[in-house]
N, C-alpha and C. Protein backbone atom coordinates (compact mmCIF):
# COMPACT_ATOMS: atom_id res chain seq x y z
N UNK A 1 107.08 70.13 108.46
CA UNK A 1 105.63 70.77 108.28
C UNK A 1 105.12 70.39 109.97
N UNK A 2 104.24 71.36 110.82
CA UNK A 2 103.77 70.45 111.89
C UNK A 2 102.56 70.67 112.01
N UNK A 3 101.01 70.60 110.82
CA UNK A 3 99.97 69.94 110.63
C UNK A 3 99.09 71.13 112.22
N UNK A 4 99.55 70.24 113.46
CA UNK A 4 98.71 71.13 115.06
C UNK A 4 99.49 72.20 114.62
N UNK A 5 100.43 72.74 114.46
CA UNK A 5 100.51 74.32 114.23
C UNK A 5 100.24 75.86 114.07
N UNK A 6 100.22 76.18 114.79
CA UNK A 6 98.67 77.51 114.73
C UNK A 6 99.09 78.17 113.10
N UNK A 7 99.79 78.57 113.44
CA UNK A 7 100.59 79.03 111.45
C UNK A 7 99.74 77.96 110.06
N UNK A 8 99.07 76.84 110.34
CA UNK A 8 98.32 76.37 109.72
C UNK A 8 96.36 76.51 109.70
N UNK A 9 96.43 77.24 110.96
CA UNK A 9 94.78 77.27 111.16
C UNK A 9 94.61 78.68 110.59
N UNK A 10 93.09 78.57 109.41
CA UNK A 10 93.08 79.61 109.28
C UNK A 10 92.62 80.43 110.59
N UNK A 11 91.35 80.49 111.51
CA UNK A 11 91.53 81.33 112.39
C UNK A 11 92.71 81.93 113.43
N UNK A 12 93.91 81.31 113.10
CA UNK A 12 94.85 82.23 113.90
C UNK A 12 95.34 83.74 112.72
N UNK A 13 95.05 82.97 111.63
CA UNK A 13 95.52 84.18 110.79
C UNK A 13 94.07 85.30 110.53
N UNK A 14 92.77 84.47 110.61
CA UNK A 14 91.87 85.51 110.40
C UNK A 14 91.54 86.28 111.85
N UNK A 15 91.96 85.88 112.39
CA UNK A 15 92.35 86.55 114.13
C UNK A 15 93.05 87.36 113.90
N UNK A 16 94.15 87.82 112.92
CA UNK A 16 96.01 88.39 113.36
C UNK A 16 95.01 89.13 111.96
N UNK A 17 93.93 89.25 111.31
CA UNK A 17 93.58 89.88 110.25
C UNK A 17 93.34 91.22 110.67
N UNK A 18 91.60 90.47 111.99
CA UNK A 18 90.56 91.09 112.26
C UNK A 18 91.52 92.43 113.53
N UNK A 19 92.64 91.55 114.26
CA UNK A 19 93.27 92.88 114.94
C UNK A 19 93.83 93.93 114.40
N UNK A 20 94.38 93.50 112.80
CA UNK A 20 95.40 94.27 112.34
C UNK A 20 94.17 95.11 111.86
N UNK A 21 92.81 95.82 111.28
CA UNK A 21 91.92 96.30 110.55
C UNK A 21 91.84 97.37 111.64
N UNK A 22 91.34 96.49 113.63
CA UNK A 22 91.48 97.40 114.44
C UNK A 22 91.97 98.44 114.30
N UNK A 23 93.09 97.57 114.50
CA UNK A 23 94.80 98.78 114.55
C UNK A 23 94.18 100.29 113.83
N UNK A 24 94.11 99.39 111.69
CA UNK A 24 94.03 100.28 111.63
C UNK A 24 92.63 101.39 111.11
N UNK A 25 92.06 101.30 112.27
CA UNK A 25 90.78 102.18 112.60
C UNK A 25 90.80 102.96 113.33
N UNK A 26 91.78 102.71 114.29
CA UNK A 26 92.59 103.70 114.91
C UNK A 26 92.80 104.44 114.89
N UNK A 27 93.51 105.02 113.28
CA UNK A 27 94.54 105.90 112.72
C UNK A 27 93.56 106.23 111.75
N UNK A 28 94.22 107.70 111.26
CA UNK A 28 93.35 108.60 110.45
C UNK A 28 94.40 108.17 109.13
N UNK A 29 93.45 108.49 108.68
CA UNK A 29 93.89 108.14 107.06
C UNK A 29 95.45 108.56 106.33
N UNK A 30 96.17 107.42 106.17
CA UNK A 30 97.31 107.68 105.92
C UNK A 30 97.66 106.51 105.54
N UNK A 31 99.41 106.55 105.25
CA UNK A 31 100.52 105.22 104.72
C UNK A 31 100.24 104.55 105.29
N UNK A 32 100.30 104.50 107.12
CA UNK A 32 101.02 103.30 107.65
C UNK A 32 98.79 102.69 108.43
N UNK A 33 98.04 103.69 107.75
CA UNK A 33 96.57 103.46 107.63
C UNK A 33 96.83 102.30 107.53
N UNK A 34 97.22 102.73 105.75
CA UNK A 34 96.67 101.50 104.26
C UNK A 34 97.76 101.00 104.34
N UNK A 35 99.26 100.51 104.70
CA UNK A 35 99.67 99.57 104.87
C UNK A 35 99.11 98.54 105.59
N UNK A 36 98.21 98.73 107.14
CA UNK A 36 98.10 98.14 108.28
C UNK A 36 96.92 97.15 107.12
N UNK A 37 95.87 97.97 106.38
CA UNK A 37 95.23 97.62 105.79
C UNK A 37 95.40 96.33 104.65
N UNK A 38 96.38 96.86 103.99
CA UNK A 38 97.04 95.63 103.03
C UNK A 38 97.77 94.78 103.97
N UNK A 39 97.90 95.10 105.16
CA UNK A 39 98.56 93.39 105.93
C UNK A 39 97.51 92.45 106.26
N UNK A 40 96.42 93.00 106.29
CA UNK A 40 95.84 92.49 106.84
C UNK A 40 94.65 91.66 105.69
N UNK A 41 95.30 92.00 104.61
CA UNK A 41 94.53 91.25 103.44
C UNK A 41 95.25 90.86 102.95
N UNK A 42 96.93 90.32 103.46
CA UNK A 42 98.00 89.57 103.62
C UNK A 42 97.33 88.35 104.13
N UNK A 43 97.48 88.36 105.50
CA UNK A 43 96.85 87.45 107.02
C UNK A 43 95.39 86.87 106.06
N UNK A 44 94.57 87.73 105.79
CA UNK A 44 93.47 86.95 105.21
C UNK A 44 93.55 85.53 103.84
N UNK A 45 94.59 86.48 102.91
CA UNK A 45 95.10 85.04 101.81
C UNK A 45 95.82 84.08 102.67
N UNK A 46 96.77 83.73 104.21
CA UNK A 46 97.33 83.11 105.05
C UNK A 46 95.73 82.56 105.08
N UNK A 47 94.80 82.68 105.80
CA UNK A 47 94.00 82.11 106.14
C UNK A 47 93.43 81.21 105.42
N UNK A 48 93.17 81.72 103.64
CA UNK A 48 92.67 80.81 102.74
C UNK A 48 94.02 79.78 102.69
N UNK A 49 94.75 80.42 102.22
CA UNK A 49 96.15 79.32 101.57
C UNK A 49 95.86 78.26 103.36
N UNK A 50 95.96 78.45 104.24
CA UNK A 50 95.85 77.56 105.63
C UNK A 50 94.26 76.53 104.93
N UNK A 51 93.27 77.05 104.72
CA UNK A 51 92.16 76.74 104.73
C UNK A 51 91.82 75.79 103.96
N UNK A 52 92.65 75.79 102.40
CA UNK A 52 92.98 74.77 101.47
C UNK A 52 93.95 74.13 101.69
N UNK A 53 95.63 74.36 102.59
CA UNK A 53 95.94 72.92 102.92
C UNK A 53 95.21 72.33 103.76
N UNK A 54 94.41 72.87 104.64
CA UNK A 54 93.82 71.56 105.35
C UNK A 54 92.54 70.91 105.06
N UNK A 55 92.22 71.47 104.04
CA UNK A 55 91.15 70.71 102.92
C UNK A 55 91.83 69.91 101.72
N UNK A 56 92.49 69.82 101.61
CA UNK A 56 93.82 68.72 100.72
C UNK A 56 94.74 67.69 101.83
N UNK A 57 95.22 68.33 103.05
CA UNK A 57 95.30 67.17 103.86
C UNK A 57 94.49 66.88 104.17
N UNK A 58 92.94 66.44 103.89
CA UNK A 58 91.88 65.88 105.16
C UNK A 58 91.58 64.99 103.78
N UNK A 59 91.81 65.17 102.47
CA UNK A 59 91.54 64.34 101.64
C UNK A 59 92.69 63.66 101.17
N UNK A 60 94.03 63.29 102.09
CA UNK A 60 95.17 62.52 101.82
C UNK A 60 94.69 61.62 103.04
N UNK A 61 93.69 61.56 104.34
CA UNK A 61 93.90 60.84 104.85
C UNK A 61 92.34 60.22 104.44
N UNK A 62 91.82 60.88 103.60
CA UNK A 62 90.75 59.58 103.75
C UNK A 62 90.82 58.40 102.57
N UNK A 63 91.97 59.16 101.61
CA UNK A 63 92.31 57.84 100.80
C UNK A 63 93.08 56.39 100.86
C-alpha cells in the first residue's frame, strides 16, 4: 500500500465522479446515461473509503 498514491486520495475519486456526471449530462436519457451516473456514485463511495482510510491512518500516526 502506498498512501501517497492518488488511489488513496478522496479528491481523486471526487474528480472522477464529477467528470463522469458531466459526461452523463451530455447524453439523452437512457441506459448509457444511467450507467454513467451509477459509475459516478461508485466513485463517490471510493472517495468516502479513501477519506475514512486517511482518517484511520492519521489516528495510527498519533498513537
